[in-house]
Every structure is written in C-alpha cells, then in structure tokens.
Amino acid sequence: MKEIKLKPDKPFYNSVDVAVMDFPKGRDEEPRKRCKVCVDFSEFDVKQLQKRGMDFDGAMEYYKDWLYKIVKLNIASDWTCVEGYEEVMTIIEENVKRFY
C-alpha cells in the first residue's frame, strides 16, 4: 500500500484543489507531486447528493469514498494517507455543512 501526503491549496467558495504527493525514496526524503484533484462542493454538487437522499453524514461518506477512489485511480495503487487527510476533510466538511 502506497503512503501519500495530501496538500490542499487555499479553498475557494465552491472547491478545493488537493495535491497528491508520494515518497519515492522513503518518507524521510522529499515527496514528489503525483497529481492534483479538485474537490467540488458547490451548492449544485451538494444538492445532487441531497436528491439521492443523502443527509450530511451520507454526503461526508460520499466525499471520503470519492476521494479514496479518485486518488487510487490517479496513482494506480491502494493508498494510506500519512499527512493532510484531516485538513482536507475539514475543508470539505465546513463547506458541505453550509447546505444542511
């Protein structure tokens, strides 16, 4: 399982860009950027989840699952986050909460 680090940019009102870093020479060396993903949490995006019957907890589970799958697709490996996951999820939670 690949170890990664997530580094969010300053969030916008409706999204946040997140850099996905890995450690090709071990965690003690400089991480390298593998990809960047954009997490959208605009009113439209959240309303789509609400139409599917998701409450706030369901929406947060959706975002956790989506983040895992999209990063896995980009790095072609199962992964575990060693830094930055809580920061990213806090940004998502604070913004999704506006619509509940």
C-alpha atoms as a PDB file:
ATOM      1  CA  MET A   1       0.000   0.000   0.000  1.00  0.00           C
ATOM      2  CA  LYS A   2       1.415   3.354  -1.060  1.00  0.00           C
ATOM      3  CA  GLU A   3       1.850   6.110   1.521  1.00  0.00           C
ATOM      4  CA  ILE A   4       0.797   9.548   0.364  1.00  0.00           C
ATOM      5  CA  LYS A   5       0.516  13.091   1.639  1.00  0.00           C
ATOM      6  CA  LEU A   6      -2.387  15.389   0.746  1.00  0.00           C
ATOM      7  CA  LYS A   7      -1.708  19.110   0.494  1.00  0.00           C
ATOM      8  CA  PRO A   8      -4.749  21.336  -0.049  1.00  0.00           C
ATOM      9  CA  ASP A   9      -4.463  24.739  -1.689  1.00  0.00           C
ATOM     10  CA  LYS A  10      -6.375  27.643  -0.233  1.00  0.00           C
ATOM     11  CA  PRO A  11     -10.020  26.650  -0.766  1.00  0.00           C
ATOM     12  CA  PHE A  12     -12.415  28.555  -2.978  1.00  0.00           C
ATOM     13  CA  TYR A  13     -16.058  29.033  -2.023  1.00  0.00           C
ATOM     14  CA  ASN A  14     -17.092  26.005  -4.085  1.00  0.00           C
ATOM     15  CA  SER A  15     -13.997  23.792  -4.394  1.00  0.00           C
ATOM     16  CA  VAL A  16     -10.510  22.990  -3.207  1.00  0.00           C
ATOM     17  CA  ASP A  17      -7.523  21.722  -5.191  1.00  0.00           C
ATOM     18  CA  VAL A  18      -5.561  18.999  -3.441  1.00  0.00           C
ATOM     19  CA  ALA A  19      -2.022  17.976  -4.419  1.00  0.00           C
ATOM     20  CA  VAL A  20      -1.291  14.267  -4.007  1.00  0.00           C
ATOM     21  CA  MET A  21       2.311  13.592  -3.026  1.00  0.00           C
ATOM     22  CA  ASP A  22       4.147  10.304  -2.589  1.00  0.00           C
ATOM     23  CA  PHE A  23       7.537   9.335  -1.252  1.00  0.00           C
ATOM     24  CA  PRO A  24       9.562   7.516  -3.945  1.00  0.00           C
ATOM     25  CA  LYS A  25      12.710   7.417  -1.759  1.00  0.00           C
ATOM     26  CA  GLY A  26      11.010   6.873   1.589  1.00  0.00           C
ATOM     27  CA  ARG A  27       9.211   9.193   3.958  1.00  0.00           C
ATOM     28  CA  ASP A  28      12.435  10.864   5.102  1.00  0.00           C
ATOM     29  CA  GLU A  29      13.129  12.195   1.592  1.00  0.00           C
ATOM     30  CA  GLU A  30      11.358  14.946  -0.379  1.00  0.00           C
ATOM     31  CA  PRO A  31       7.857  13.969  -1.535  1.00  0.00           C
ATOM     32  CA  ARG A  32       7.021  14.272  -5.225  1.00  0.00           C
ATOM     33  CA  LYS A  33       3.749  15.518  -6.647  1.00  0.00           C
ATOM     34  CA  ARG A  34       1.869  12.715  -8.379  1.00  0.00           C
ATOM     35  CA  CYS A  35      -1.327  14.518  -9.339  1.00  0.00           C
ATOM     36  CA  LYS A  36      -3.812  17.156  -8.289  1.00  0.00           C
ATOM     37  CA  VAL A  37      -7.512  16.566  -7.696  1.00  0.00           C
ATOM     38  CA  CYS A  38     -10.274  19.139  -7.440  1.00  0.00           C
ATOM     39  CA  VAL A  39     -12.949  18.507  -4.825  1.00  0.00           C
ATOM     40  CA  ASP A  40     -16.164  20.332  -5.741  1.00  0.00           C
ATOM     41  CA  PHE A  41     -18.637  21.199  -3.002  1.00  0.00           C
ATOM     42  CA  SER A  42     -20.770  23.870  -4.638  1.00  0.00           C
ATOM     43  CA  GLU A  43     -24.459  24.175  -3.854  1.00  0.00           C
ATOM     44  CA  PHE A  44     -25.250  22.294  -7.072  1.00  0.00           C
ATOM     45  CA  ASP A  45     -22.938  19.412  -6.133  1.00  0.00           C
ATOM     46  CA  VAL A  46     -24.389  19.058  -2.641  1.00  0.00           C
ATOM     47  CA  LYS A  47     -27.971  19.357  -3.916  1.00  0.00           C
ATOM     48  CA  GLN A  48     -27.257  16.415  -6.258  1.00  0.00           C
ATOM     49  CA  LEU A  49     -26.306  14.352  -3.207  1.00  0.00           C
ATOM     50  CA  GLN A  50     -29.422  15.519  -1.368  1.00  0.00           C
ATOM     51  CA  LYS A  51     -31.572  14.426  -4.340  1.00  0.00           C
ATOM     52  CA  ARG A  52     -30.041  10.972  -3.898  1.00  0.00           C
ATOM     53  CA  GLY A  53     -31.354  11.026  -0.319  1.00  0.00           C
ATOM     54  CA  MET A  54     -28.071  11.747   1.454  1.00  0.00           C
ATOM     55  CA  ASP A  55     -28.060  13.584   4.748  1.00  0.00           C
ATOM     56  CA  PHE A  56     -24.933  15.385   5.993  1.00  0.00           C
ATOM     57  CA  ASP A  57     -23.278  12.170   7.240  1.00  0.00           C
ATOM     58  CA  GLY A  58     -24.084  10.415   3.964  1.00  0.00           C
ATOM     59  CA  ALA A  59     -22.580  13.296   1.985  1.00  0.00           C
ATOM     60  CA  MET A  60     -19.392  13.145   4.050  1.00  0.00           C
ATOM     61  CA  GLU A  61     -19.138   9.381   3.479  1.00  0.00           C
ATOM     62  CA  TYR A  62     -19.629  10.035  -0.242  1.00  0.00           C
ATOM     63  CA  TYR A  63     -16.746  12.542  -0.265  1.00  0.00           C
ATOM     64  CA  LYS A  64     -14.449  10.180   1.695  1.00  0.00           C
ATOM     65  CA  ASP A  65     -15.185   7.332  -0.704  1.00  0.00           C
ATOM     66  CA  TRP A  66     -14.873   9.577  -3.765  1.00  0.00           C
ATOM     67  CA  LEU A  67     -11.516  10.960  -2.588  1.00  0.00           C
ATOM     68  CA  TYR A  68     -10.126   7.483  -1.981  1.00  0.00           C
ATOM     69  CA  LYS A  69     -11.275   6.207  -5.386  1.00  0.00           C
ATOM     70  CA  ILE A  70     -10.090   9.227  -7.400  1.00  0.00           C
ATOM     71  CA  VAL A  71      -6.635   9.202  -5.812  1.00  0.00           C
ATOM     72  CA  LYS A  72      -6.398   5.418  -6.306  1.00  0.00           C
ATOM     73  CA  LEU A  73      -7.301   5.876  -9.975  1.00  0.00           C
ATOM     74  CA  ASN A  74      -4.592   8.523 -10.421  1.00  0.00           C
ATOM     75  CA  ILE A  75      -1.777   6.699  -8.620  1.00  0.00           C
ATOM     76  CA  ALA A  76      -2.865   3.175  -9.670  1.00  0.00           C
ATOM     77  CA  SER A  77      -2.474   1.772  -6.170  1.00  0.00           C
ATOM     78  CA  ASP A  78      -4.248   1.389  -2.858  1.00  0.00           C
ATOM     79  CA  TRP A  79      -3.071   4.105  -0.513  1.00  0.00           C
ATOM     80  CA  THR A  80      -2.966   5.347   3.021  1.00  0.00           C
ATOM     81  CA  CYS A  81      -2.528   8.986   3.931  1.00  0.00           C
ATOM     82  CA  VAL A  82       0.260   9.883   6.348  1.00  0.00           C
ATOM     83  CA  GLU A  83      -0.328  13.645   6.322  1.00  0.00           C
ATOM     84  CA  GLY A  84      -3.021  16.134   5.297  1.00  0.00           C
ATOM     85  CA  TYR A  85      -6.130  13.913   5.228  1.00  0.00           C
ATOM     86  CA  GLU A  86      -7.804  15.541   8.223  1.00  0.00           C
ATOM     87  CA  GLU A  87      -7.073  19.017   6.863  1.00  0.00           C
ATOM     88  CA  VAL A  88      -8.706  18.161   3.519  1.00  0.00           C
ATOM     89  CA  MET A  89     -11.737  16.531   5.148  1.00  0.00           C
ATOM     90  CA  THR A  90     -12.171  19.524   7.494  1.00  0.00           C
ATOM     91  CA  ILE A  91     -12.304  21.879   4.495  1.00  0.00           C
ATOM     92  CA  ILE A  92     -14.897  19.661   2.807  1.00  0.00           C
ATOM     93  CA  GLU A  93     -16.951  19.298   5.998  1.00  0.00           C
ATOM     94  CA  GLU A  94     -17.036  23.037   6.688  1.00  0.00           C
ATOM     95  CA  ASN A  95     -18.253  23.782   3.182  1.00  0.00           C
ATOM     96  CA  VAL A  96     -20.766  20.955   2.810  1.00  0.00           C
ATOM     97  CA  LYS A  97     -22.247  21.883   6.214  1.00  0.00           C
ATOM     98  CA  ARG A  98     -23.449  25.205   4.692  1.00  0.00           C
ATOM     99  CA  PHE A  99     -26.140  23.328   2.765  1.00  0.00           C
ATOM    100  CA  TYR A 100     -27.527  21.257   5.649  1.00  0.00           C
END
